[in-house]
Amino acid sequence: RLSCAASGRTFRSNAMGWFRQAPGKEREFVAAVNWSGSKT
């Protein structure tokens, strides 16, 4: 389980995402959640 701690006033109204990058490869999309957490 990975965690991301955020600081900033805009956190609650903004989408958040997880990306990953393997050696020699470009950063790729993994998962994202909308501002409210209702959509992924």
PDB file of all heavy atoms in Angstrom:
ATOM      1  N   ARG A   1       0.837  -1.187   0.000  1.00  0.00           N
ATOM      2  CA  ARG A   1       0.000   0.000   0.000  1.00  0.00           C
ATOM      3  C   ARG A   1       0.875   1.241   0.000  1.00  0.00           C
ATOM      4  O   ARG A   1       1.695   1.434   0.901  1.00  0.00           O
ATOM      5  CB  ARG A   1      -0.914   0.012   1.221  1.00  0.00           C
ATOM      6  CG  ARG A   1      -1.922   1.167   1.227  1.00  0.00           C
ATOM      7  CD  ARG A   1      -2.855   1.071   2.423  1.00  0.00           C
ATOM      8  NE  ARG A   1      -3.831   2.153   2.476  1.00  0.00           N
ATOM      9  CZ  ARG A   1      -4.995   2.140   1.857  1.00  0.00           C
ATOM     10  NH1 ARG A   1      -5.360   1.089   1.135  1.00  0.00           N
ATOM     11  NH2 ARG A   1      -5.821   3.182   1.954  1.00  0.00           N
ATOM     12  N   LEU A   2       0.687   2.061  -1.004  1.00  0.00           N
ATOM     13  CA  LEU A   2       1.411   3.311  -1.109  1.00  0.00           C
ATOM     14  C   LEU A   2       0.536   4.448  -0.609  1.00  0.00           C
ATOM     15  O   LEU A   2      -0.678   4.436  -0.784  1.00  0.00           O
ATOM     16  CB  LEU A   2       1.818   3.592  -2.556  1.00  0.00           C
ATOM     17  CG  LEU A   2       2.622   2.513  -3.277  1.00  0.00           C
ATOM     18  CD1 LEU A   2       2.976   2.990  -4.678  1.00  0.00           C
ATOM     19  CD2 LEU A   2       3.865   2.156  -2.491  1.00  0.00           C
ATOM     20  N   SER A   3       1.170   5.416  -0.001  1.00  0.00           N
ATOM     21  CA  SER A   3       0.450   6.574   0.487  1.00  0.00           C
ATOM     22  C   SER A   3       1.086   7.839  -0.046  1.00  0.00           C
ATOM     23  O   SER A   3       2.294   7.893  -0.279  1.00  0.00           O
ATOM     24  CB  SER A   3       0.437   6.603   2.017  1.00  0.00           C
ATOM     25  OG  SER A   3      -0.279   5.515   2.544  1.00  0.00           O
ATOM     26  N   CYS A   4       0.277   8.837  -0.220  1.00  0.00           N
ATOM     27  CA  CYS A   4       0.737  10.133  -0.678  1.00  0.00           C
ATOM     28  C   CYS A   4       0.146  11.187   0.233  1.00  0.00           C
ATOM     29  O   CYS A   4      -1.076  11.332   0.317  1.00  0.00           O
ATOM     30  CB  CYS A   4       0.298  10.363  -2.127  1.00  0.00           C
ATOM     31  SG  CYS A   4       0.665  12.013  -2.776  1.00  0.00           S
ATOM     32  N   ALA A   5       1.013  11.892   0.913  1.00  0.00           N
ATOM     33  CA  ALA A   5       0.579  12.960   1.796  1.00  0.00           C
ATOM     34  C   ALA A   5       0.663  14.277   1.043  1.00  0.00           C
ATOM     35  O   ALA A   5       1.708  14.614   0.485  1.00  0.00           O
ATOM     36  CB  ALA A   5       1.442  13.002   3.044  1.00  0.00           C
ATOM     37  N   ALA A   6      -0.427  14.997   1.022  1.00  0.00           N
ATOM     38  CA  ALA A   6      -0.500  16.244   0.281  1.00  0.00           C
ATOM     39  C   ALA A   6      -0.711  17.428   1.201  1.00  0.00           C
ATOM     40  O   ALA A   6      -1.391  17.329   2.218  1.00  0.00           O
ATOM     41  CB  ALA A   6      -1.632  16.197  -0.741  1.00  0.00           C
ATOM     42  N   SER A   7      -0.134  18.526   0.805  1.00  0.00           N
ATOM     43  CA  SER A   7      -0.349  19.771   1.522  1.00  0.00           C
ATOM     44  C   SER A   7      -0.673  20.852   0.504  1.00  0.00           C
ATOM     45  O   SER A   7      -0.055  20.924  -0.558  1.00  0.00           O
ATOM     46  CB  SER A   7       0.878  20.159   2.346  1.00  0.00           C
ATOM     47  OG  SER A   7       2.017  20.352   1.526  1.00  0.00           O
ATOM     48  N   GLY A   8      -1.656  21.653   0.824  1.00  0.00           N
ATOM     49  CA  GLY A   8      -2.082  22.692  -0.093  1.00  0.00           C
ATOM     50  C   GLY A   8      -3.589  22.841  -0.082  1.00  0.00           C
ATOM     51  O   GLY A   8      -4.315  21.852   0.081  1.00  0.00           O
ATOM     52  N   ARG A   9      -4.047  24.025  -0.286  1.00  0.00           N
ATOM     53  CA  ARG A   9      -5.476  24.313  -0.201  1.00  0.00           C
ATOM     54  C   ARG A   9      -6.296  23.688  -1.321  1.00  0.00           C
ATOM     55  O   ARG A   9      -7.505  23.512  -1.166  1.00  0.00           O
ATOM     56  CB  ARG A   9      -5.690  25.830  -0.198  1.00  0.00           C
ATOM     57  CG  ARG A   9      -5.146  26.539   1.022  1.00  0.00           C
ATOM     58  CD  ARG A   9      -5.452  28.026   0.952  1.00  0.00           C
ATOM     59  NE  ARG A   9      -4.901  28.740   2.096  1.00  0.00           N
ATOM     60  CZ  ARG A   9      -5.508  28.848   3.268  1.00  0.00           C
ATOM     61  NH1 ARG A   9      -6.698  28.287   3.455  1.00  0.00           N
ATOM     62  NH2 ARG A   9      -4.926  29.519   4.252  1.00  0.00           N
ATOM     63  N   THR A  10      -5.687  23.372  -2.436  1.00  0.00           N
ATOM     64  CA  THR A  10      -6.435  22.865  -3.583  1.00  0.00           C
ATOM     65  C   THR A  10      -6.673  21.365  -3.575  1.00  0.00           C
ATOM     66  O   THR A  10      -7.372  20.843  -4.433  1.00  0.00           O
ATOM     67  CB  THR A  10      -5.732  23.239  -4.899  1.00  0.00           C
ATOM     68  OG1 THR A  10      -4.440  22.628  -4.945  1.00  0.00           O
ATOM     69  CG2 THR A  10      -5.576  24.746  -5.022  1.00  0.00           C
ATOM     70  N   PHE A  11      -6.108  20.655  -2.639  1.00  0.00           N
ATOM     71  CA  PHE A  11      -6.191  19.201  -2.631  1.00  0.00           C
ATOM     72  C   PHE A  11      -7.618  18.672  -2.732  1.00  0.00           C
ATOM     73  O   PHE A  11      -7.894  17.744  -3.493  1.00  0.00           O
ATOM     74  CB  PHE A  11      -5.511  18.636  -1.382  1.00  0.00           C
ATOM     75  CG  PHE A  11      -5.615  17.146  -1.277  1.00  0.00           C
ATOM     76  CD1 PHE A  11      -4.768  16.328  -2.005  1.00  0.00           C
ATOM     77  CD2 PHE A  11      -6.571  16.564  -0.455  1.00  0.00           C
ATOM     78  CE1 PHE A  11      -4.863  14.943  -1.914  1.00  0.00           C
ATOM     79  CE2 PHE A  11      -6.671  15.181  -0.355  1.00  0.00           C
ATOM     80  CZ  PHE A  11      -5.811  14.378  -1.093  1.00  0.00           C
ATOM     81  N   ARG A  12      -8.510  19.234  -1.976  1.00  0.00           N
ATOM     82  CA  ARG A  12      -9.879  18.714  -1.899  1.00  0.00           C
ATOM     83  C   ARG A  12     -10.689  18.917  -3.167  1.00  0.00           C
ATOM     84  O   ARG A  12     -11.752  18.311  -3.311  1.00  0.00           O
ATOM     85  CB  ARG A  12     -10.604  19.335  -0.714  1.00  0.00           C
ATOM     86  CG  ARG A  12     -10.047  18.922   0.642  1.00  0.00           C
ATOM     87  CD  ARG A  12     -10.757  19.631   1.773  1.00  0.00           C
ATOM     88  NE  ARG A  12     -10.287  19.189   3.076  1.00  0.00           N
ATOM     89  CZ  ARG A  12      -9.185  19.626   3.658  1.00  0.00           C
ATOM     90  NH1 ARG A  12      -8.429  20.534   3.046  1.00  0.00           N
ATOM     91  NH2 ARG A  12      -8.830  19.166   4.850  1.00  0.00           N
ATOM     92  N   SER A  13     -10.243  19.725  -4.085  1.00  0.00           N
ATOM     93  CA  SER A  13     -10.997  20.008  -5.295  1.00  0.00           C
ATOM     94  C   SER A  13     -10.284  19.570  -6.570  1.00  0.00           C
ATOM     95  O   SER A  13     -10.705  19.933  -7.667  1.00  0.00           O
ATOM     96  CB  SER A  13     -11.316  21.503  -5.376  1.00  0.00           C
ATOM     97  OG  SER A  13     -10.132  22.276  -5.390  1.00  0.00           O
ATOM     98  N   ASN A  14      -9.255  18.766  -6.433  1.00  0.00           N
ATOM     99  CA  ASN A  14      -8.449  18.396  -7.587  1.00  0.00           C
ATOM    100  C   ASN A  14      -8.249  16.897  -7.714  1.00  0.00           C
ATOM    101  O   ASN A  14      -8.148  16.179  -6.728  1.00  0.00           O
ATOM    102  CB  ASN A  14      -7.084  19.082  -7.520  1.00  0.00           C
ATOM    103  CG  ASN A  14      -7.189  20.588  -7.550  1.00  0.00           C
ATOM    104  OD1 ASN A  14      -7.440  21.224  -6.525  1.00  0.00           O
ATOM    105  ND2 ASN A  14      -7.007  21.168  -8.730  1.00  0.00           N
ATOM    106  N   ALA A  15      -8.175  16.468  -8.969  1.00  0.00           N
ATOM    107  CA  ALA A  15      -7.900  15.068  -9.243  1.00  0.00           C
ATOM    108  C   ALA A  15      -6.482  14.711  -8.815  1.00  0.00           C
ATOM    109  O   ALA A  15      -5.576  15.542  -8.866  1.00  0.00           O
ATOM    110  CB  ALA A  15      -8.087  14.778 -10.723  1.00  0.00           C
ATOM    111  N   MET A  16      -6.311  13.466  -8.422  1.00  0.00           N
ATOM    112  CA  MET A  16      -5.012  12.965  -8.022  1.00  0.00           C
ATOM    113  C   MET A  16      -4.725  11.683  -8.791  1.00  0.00           C
ATOM    114  O   MET A  16      -5.635  10.905  -9.079  1.00  0.00           O
ATOM    115  CB  MET A  16      -4.975  12.678  -6.524  1.00  0.00           C
ATOM    116  CG  MET A  16      -5.242  13.885  -5.642  1.00  0.00           C
ATOM    117  SD  MET A  16      -3.893  15.093  -5.710  1.00  0.00           S
ATOM    118  CE  MET A  16      -2.566  14.154  -4.936  1.00  0.00           C
ATOM    119  N   GLY A  17      -3.480  11.475  -9.096  1.00  0.00           N
ATOM    120  CA  GLY A  17      -3.131  10.293  -9.860  1.00  0.00           C
ATOM    121  C   GLY A  17      -1.874   9.616  -9.362  1.00  0.00           C
ATOM    122  O   GLY A  17      -1.063  10.205  -8.645  1.00  0.00           O
ATOM    123  N   TRP A  18      -1.748   8.367  -9.733  1.00  0.00           N
ATOM    124  CA  TRP A  18      -0.526   7.604  -9.508  1.00  0.00           C
ATOM    125  C   TRP A  18       0.055   7.211 -10.858  1.00  0.00           C
ATOM    126  O   TRP A  18      -0.662   6.721 -11.737  1.00  0.00           O
ATOM    127  CB  TRP A  18      -0.797   6.342  -8.695  1.00  0.00           C
ATOM    128  CG  TRP A  18      -0.994   6.577  -7.231  1.00  0.00           C
ATOM    129  CD1 TRP A  18      -2.170   6.680  -6.566  1.00  0.00           C
ATOM    130  CD2 TRP A  18       0.032   6.719  -6.248  1.00  0.00           C
ATOM    131  NE1 TRP A  18      -1.954   6.875  -5.229  1.00  0.00           N
ATOM    132  CE2 TRP A  18      -0.600   6.906  -5.002  1.00  0.00           C
ATOM    133  CE3 TRP A  18       1.429   6.705  -6.298  1.00  0.00           C
ATOM    134  CZ2 TRP A  18       0.106   7.080  -3.810  1.00  0.00           C
ATOM    135  CZ3 TRP A  18       2.140   6.880  -5.116  1.00  0.00           C
ATOM    136  CH2 TRP A  18       1.473   7.070  -3.896  1.00  0.00           C
ATOM    137  N   PHE A  19       1.323   7.428 -11.010  1.00  0.00           N
ATOM    138  CA  PHE A  19       2.055   7.052 -12.210  1.00  0.00           C
ATOM    139  C   PHE A  19       3.265   6.238 -11.795  1.00  0.00           C
ATOM    140  O   PHE A  19       3.672   6.263 -10.641  1.00  0.00           O
ATOM    141  CB  PHE A  19       2.491   8.292 -12.991  1.00  0.00           C
ATOM    142  CG  PHE A  19       1.356   9.075 -13.583  1.00  0.00           C
ATOM    143  CD1 PHE A  19       0.577   9.913 -12.789  1.00  0.00           C
ATOM    144  CD2 PHE A  19       1.056   8.974 -14.935  1.00  0.00           C
ATOM    145  CE1 PHE A  19      -0.471  10.630 -13.316  1.00  0.00           C
ATOM    146  CE2 PHE A  19       0.005   9.691 -15.484  1.00  0.00           C
ATOM    147  CZ  PHE A  19      -0.759  10.516 -14.680  1.00  0.00           C
ATOM    148  N   ARG A  20       3.840   5.546 -12.737  1.00  0.00           N
ATOM    149  CA  ARG A  20       5.038   4.787 -12.435  1.00  0.00           C
ATOM    150  C   ARG A  20       6.012   4.852 -13.597  1.00  0.00           C
ATOM    151  O   ARG A  20       5.634   5.055 -14.741  1.00  0.00           O
ATOM    152  CB  ARG A  20       4.703   3.328 -12.102  1.00  0.00           C
ATOM    153  CG  ARG A  20       4.132   2.521 -13.268  1.00  0.00           C
ATOM    154  CD  ARG A  20       3.665   1.157 -12.782  1.00  0.00           C
ATOM    155  NE  ARG A  20       3.169   0.332 -13.866  1.00  0.00           N
ATOM    156  CZ  ARG A  20       2.579  -0.840 -13.698  1.00  0.00           C
ATOM    157  NH1 ARG A  20       2.414  -1.336 -12.467  1.00  0.00           N
ATOM    158  NH2 ARG A  20       2.161  -1.541 -14.742  1.00  0.00           N
ATOM    159  N   GLN A  21       7.262   4.659 -13.272  1.00  0.00           N
ATOM    160  CA  GLN A  21       8.297   4.703 -14.286  1.00  0.00           C
ATOM    161  C   GLN A  21       9.334   3.627 -13.994  1.00  0.00           C
ATOM    162  O   GLN A  21       9.981   3.643 -12.949  1.00  0.00           O
ATOM    163  CB  GLN A  21       8.963   6.077 -14.333  1.00  0.00           C
ATOM    164  CG  GLN A  21       9.934   6.257 -15.475  1.00  0.00           C
ATOM    165  CD  GLN A  21      10.332   7.710 -15.665  1.00  0.00           C
ATOM    166  OE1 GLN A  21      10.192   8.537 -14.765  1.00  0.00           O
ATOM    167  NE2 GLN A  21      10.815   8.031 -16.846  1.00  0.00           N
ATOM    168  N   ALA A  22       9.468   2.708 -14.927  1.00  0.00           N
ATOM    169  CA  ALA A  22      10.453   1.649 -14.827  1.00  0.00           C
ATOM    170  C   ALA A  22      11.737   2.094 -15.514  1.00  0.00           C
ATOM    171  O   ALA A  22      11.712   2.984 -16.373  1.00  0.00           O
ATOM    172  CB  ALA A  22       9.920   0.374 -15.468  1.00  0.00           C
ATOM    173  N   PRO A  23      12.861   1.497 -15.161  1.00  0.00           N
ATOM    174  CA  PRO A  23      14.130   1.874 -15.786  1.00  0.00           C
ATOM    175  C   PRO A  23      14.071   1.776 -17.304  1.00  0.00           C
ATOM    176  O   PRO A  23      13.637   0.765 -17.854  1.00  0.00           O
ATOM    177  CB  PRO A  23      15.118   0.863 -15.206  1.00  0.00           C
ATOM    178  CG  PRO A  23      14.534   0.508 -13.877  1.00  0.00           C
ATOM    179  CD  PRO A  23      13.050   0.474 -14.123  1.00  0.00           C
ATOM    180  N   GLY A  24      14.487   2.831 -17.978  1.00  0.00           N
ATOM    181  CA  GLY A  24      14.514   2.838 -19.423  1.00  0.00           C
ATOM    182  C   GLY A  24      13.176   3.062 -20.091  1.00  0.00           C
ATOM    183  O   GLY A  24      13.092   3.029 -21.321  1.00  0.00           O
ATOM    184  N   LYS A  25      12.143   3.292 -19.310  1.00  0.00           N
ATOM    185  CA  LYS A  25      10.817   3.498 -19.871  1.00  0.00           C
ATOM    186  C   LYS A  25      10.259   4.853 -19.473  1.00  0.00           C
ATOM    187  O   LYS A  25      10.713   5.474 -18.516  1.00  0.00           O
ATOM    188  CB  LYS A  25       9.866   2.395 -19.413  1.00  0.00           C
ATOM    189  CG  LYS A  25      10.239   1.003 -19.889  1.00  0.00           C
ATOM    190  CD  LYS A  25       9.202  -0.014 -19.470  1.00  0.00           C
ATOM    191  CE  LYS A  25       9.555  -1.397 -19.978  1.00  0.00           C
ATOM    192  NZ  LYS A  25       8.531  -2.402 -19.571  1.00  0.00           N
ATOM    193  N   GLU A  26       9.267   5.299 -20.220  1.00  0.00           N
ATOM    194  CA  GLU A  26       8.615   6.560 -19.914  1.00  0.00           C
ATOM    195  C   GLU A  26       7.641   6.383 -18.770  1.00  0.00           C
ATOM    196  O   GLU A  26       7.154   5.287 -18.507  1.00  0.00           O
ATOM    197  CB  GLU A  26       7.889   7.098 -21.145  1.00  0.00           C
ATOM    198  CG  GLU A  26       8.801   7.479 -22.289  1.00  0.00           C
ATOM    199  CD  GLU A  26       8.066   8.131 -23.437  1.00  0.00           C
ATOM    200  OE1 GLU A  26       6.821   8.067 -23.456  1.00  0.00           O
ATOM    201  OE2 GLU A  26       8.728   8.714 -24.304  1.00  0.00           O
ATOM    202  N   ARG A  27       7.365   7.484 -18.113  1.00  0.00           N
ATOM    203  CA  ARG A  27       6.401   7.454 -17.035  1.00  0.00           C
ATOM    204  C   ARG A  27       5.017   7.126 -17.591  1.00  0.00           C
ATOM    205  O   ARG A  27       4.590   7.690 -18.601  1.00  0.00           O
ATOM    206  CB  ARG A  27       6.381   8.807 -16.332  1.00  0.00           C
ATOM    207  CG  ARG A  27       5.645   8.810 -15.009  1.00  0.00           C
ATOM    208  CD  ARG A  27       5.943  10.093 -14.229  1.00  0.00           C
ATOM    209  NE  ARG A  27       7.359  10.219 -13.941  1.00  0.00           N
ATOM    210  CZ  ARG A  27       7.881  11.191 -13.198  1.00  0.00           C
ATOM    211  NH1 ARG A  27       7.096  12.114 -12.668  1.00  0.00           N
ATOM    212  NH2 ARG A  27       9.187  11.236 -12.996  1.00  0.00           N
ATOM    213  N   GLU A  28       4.317   6.207 -16.935  1.00  0.00           N
ATOM    214  CA  GLU A  28       3.022   5.773 -17.420  1.00  0.00           C
ATOM    215  C   GLU A  28       1.942   5.890 -16.355  1.00  0.00           C
ATOM    216  O   GLU A  28       2.204   5.809 -15.157  1.00  0.00           O
ATOM    217  CB  GLU A  28       3.088   4.328 -17.919  1.00  0.00           C
ATOM    218  CG  GLU A  28       3.359   3.303 -16.838  1.00  0.00           C
ATOM    219  CD  GLU A  28       3.299   1.874 -17.343  1.00  0.00           C
ATOM    220  OE1 GLU A  28       3.036   1.679 -18.551  1.00  0.00           O
ATOM    221  OE2 GLU A  28       3.509   0.944 -16.546  1.00  0.00           O
ATOM    222  N   PHE A  29       0.745   6.048 -16.831  1.00  0.00           N
ATOM    223  CA  PHE A  29      -0.415   6.166 -15.964  1.00  0.00           C
ATOM    224  C   PHE A  29      -0.723   4.853 -15.276  1.00  0.00           C
ATOM    225  O   PHE A  29      -0.639   3.786 -15.883  1.00  0.00           O
ATOM    226  CB  PHE A  29      -1.620   6.611 -16.799  1.00  0.00           C
ATOM    227  CG  PHE A  29      -2.926   6.538 -16.069  1.00  0.00           C
ATOM    228  CD1 PHE A  29      -3.256   7.476 -15.102  1.00  0.00           C
ATOM    229  CD2 PHE A  29      -3.834   5.530 -16.352  1.00  0.00           C
ATOM    230  CE1 PHE A  29      -4.460   7.410 -14.432  1.00  0.00           C
ATOM    231  CE2 PHE A  29      -5.038   5.452 -15.695  1.00  0.00           C
ATOM    232  CZ  PHE A  29      -5.353   6.394 -14.731  1.00  0.00           C
ATOM    233  N   VAL A  30      -1.096   4.943 -14.015  1.00  0.00           N
ATOM    234  CA  VAL A  30      -1.478   3.766 -13.246  1.00  0.00           C
ATOM    235  C   VAL A  30      -2.924   3.870 -12.791  1.00  0.00           C
ATOM    236  O   VAL A  30      -3.748   3.009 -13.078  1.00  0.00           O
ATOM    237  CB  VAL A  30      -0.570   3.569 -12.020  1.00  0.00           C
ATOM    238  CG1 VAL A  30      -1.062   2.398 -11.175  1.00  0.00           C
ATOM    239  CG2 VAL A  30       0.871   3.338 -12.457  1.00  0.00           C
ATOM    240  N   ALA A  31      -3.233   4.930 -12.084  1.00  0.00           N
ATOM    241  CA  ALA A  31      -4.576   5.108 -11.546  1.00  0.00           C
ATOM    242  C   ALA A  31      -4.806   6.570 -11.210  1.00  0.00           C
ATOM    243  O   ALA A  31      -3.863   7.328 -10.986  1.00  0.00           O
ATOM    244  CB  ALA A  31      -4.779   4.246 -10.303  1.00  0.00           C
ATOM    245  N   ALA A  32      -6.062   6.957 -11.179  1.00  0.00           N
ATOM    246  CA  ALA A  32      -6.403   8.321 -10.814  1.00  0.00           C
ATOM    247  C   ALA A  32      -7.767   8.350 -10.153  1.00  0.00           C
ATOM    248  O   ALA A  32      -8.601   7.469 -10.368  1.00  0.00           O
ATOM    249  CB  ALA A  32      -6.397   9.232 -12.037  1.00  0.00           C
ATOM    250  N   VAL A  33      -7.991   9.369  -9.369  1.00  0.00           N
ATOM    251  CA  VAL A  33      -9.258   9.560  -8.684  1.00  0.00           C
ATOM    252  C   VAL A  33      -9.661  11.014  -8.822  1.00  0.00           C
ATOM    253  O   VAL A  33      -8.814  11.907  -8.780  1.00  0.00           O
ATOM    254  CB  VAL A  33      -9.150   9.135  -7.198  1.00  0.00           C
ATOM    255  CG1 VAL A  33      -8.084   9.949  -6.474  1.00  0.00           C
ATOM    256  CG2 VAL A  33     -10.492   9.267  -6.501  1.00  0.00           C
ATOM    257  N   ASN A  34     -10.945  11.250  -9.011  1.00  0.00           N
ATOM    258  CA  ASN A  34     -11.397  12.623  -9.177  1.00  0.00           C
ATOM    259  C   ASN A  34     -11.397  13.372  -7.853  1.00  0.00           C
ATOM    260  O   ASN A  34     -11.065  12.828  -6.806  1.00  0.00           O
ATOM    261  CB  ASN A  34     -12.779  12.659  -9.842  1.00  0.00           C
ATOM    262  CG  ASN A  34     -13.901  12.238  -8.899  1.00  0.00           C
ATOM    263  OD1 ASN A  34     -13.693  11.501  -7.949  1.00  0.00           O
ATOM    264  ND2 ASN A  34     -15.110  12.712  -9.186  1.00  0.00           N
ATOM    265  N   TRP A  35     -11.799  14.626  -7.924  1.00  0.00           N
ATOM    266  CA  TRP A  35     -11.706  15.507  -6.760  1.00  0.00           C
ATOM    267  C   TRP A  35     -12.490  15.027  -5.549  1.00  0.00           C
ATOM    268  O   TRP A  35     -12.075  15.273  -4.408  1.00  0.00           O
ATOM    269  CB  TRP A  35     -12.164  16.914  -7.152  1.00  0.00           C
ATOM    270  CG  TRP A  35     -13.586  16.973  -7.651  1.00  0.00           C
ATOM    271  CD1 TRP A  35     -14.018  16.809  -8.931  1.00  0.00           C
ATOM    272  CD2 TRP A  35     -14.752  17.206  -6.863  1.00  0.00           C
ATOM    273  NE1 TRP A  35     -15.389  16.929  -8.989  1.00  0.00           N
ATOM    274  CE2 TRP A  35     -15.859  17.176  -7.729  1.00  0.00           C
ATOM    275  CE3 TRP A  35     -14.974  17.459  -5.499  1.00  0.00           C
ATOM    276  CZ2 TRP A  35     -17.166  17.366  -7.286  1.00  0.00           C
ATOM    277  CZ3 TRP A  35     -16.279  17.649  -5.057  1.00  0.00           C
ATOM    278  CH2 TRP A  35     -17.351  17.602  -5.951  1.00  0.00           C
ATOM    279  N   SER A  36     -13.605  14.367  -5.778  1.00  0.00           N
ATOM    280  CA  SER A  36     -14.449  13.947  -4.667  1.00  0.00           C
ATOM    281  C   SER A  36     -14.198  12.509  -4.220  1.00  0.00           C
ATOM    282  O   SER A  36     -14.643  12.112  -3.146  1.00  0.00           O
ATOM    283  CB  SER A  36     -15.919  14.091  -5.045  1.00  0.00           C
ATOM    284  OG  SER A  36     -16.293  13.151  -6.037  1.00  0.00           O
ATOM    285  N   GLY A  37     -13.501  11.746  -5.049  1.00  0.00           N
ATOM    286  CA  GLY A  37     -13.289  10.346  -4.750  1.00  0.00           C
ATOM    287  C   GLY A  37     -14.386   9.446  -5.275  1.00  0.00           C
ATOM    288  O   GLY A  37     -14.363   8.236  -5.038  1.00  0.00           O
ATOM    289  N   SER A  38     -15.337  10.015  -5.997  1.00  0.00           N
ATOM    290  CA  SER A  38     -16.471   9.251  -6.499  1.00  0.00           C
ATOM    291  C   SER A  38     -16.185   8.507  -7.798  1.00  0.00           C
ATOM    292  O   SER A  38     -16.919   7.587  -8.155  1.00  0.00           O
ATOM    293  CB  SER A  38     -17.681  10.169  -6.697  1.00  0.00           C
ATOM    294  OG  SER A  38     -17.424  11.149  -7.682  1.00  0.00           O
ATOM    295  N   LYS A  39     -15.146   8.902  -8.502  1.00  0.00           N
ATOM    296  CA  LYS A  39     -14.799   8.268  -9.767  1.00  0.00           C
ATOM    297  C   LYS A  39     -13.321   7.920  -9.792  1.00  0.00           C
ATOM    298  O   LYS A  39     -12.480   8.666  -9.294  1.00  0.00           O
ATOM    299  CB  LYS A  39     -15.135   9.173 -10.948  1.00  0.00           C
ATOM    300  CG  LYS A  39     -16.619   9.470 -11.119  1.00  0.00           C
ATOM    301  CD  LYS A  39     -16.907  10.191 -12.422  1.00  0.00           C
ATOM    302  CE  LYS A  39     -16.290  11.572 -12.432  1.00  0.00           C
ATOM    303  NZ  LYS A  39     -16.643  12.332 -13.676  1.00  0.00           N
ATOM    304  N   THR A  40     -13.024   6.792 -10.408  1.00  0.00           N
ATOM    305  CA  THR A  40     -11.642   6.355 -10.532  1.00  0.00           C
ATOM    306  C   THR A  40     -11.366   5.874 -11.945  1.00  0.00           C
ATOM    307  O   THR A  40     -12.279   5.560 -12.704  1.00  0.00           O
ATOM    308  CB  THR A  40     -11.312   5.221  -9.547  1.00  0.00           C
ATOM    309  OG1 THR A  40     -12.204   4.120  -9.772  1.00  0.00           O
ATOM    310  CG2 THR A  40     -11.461   5.694  -8.107  1.00  0.00           C
TER     311      THR A  40
END
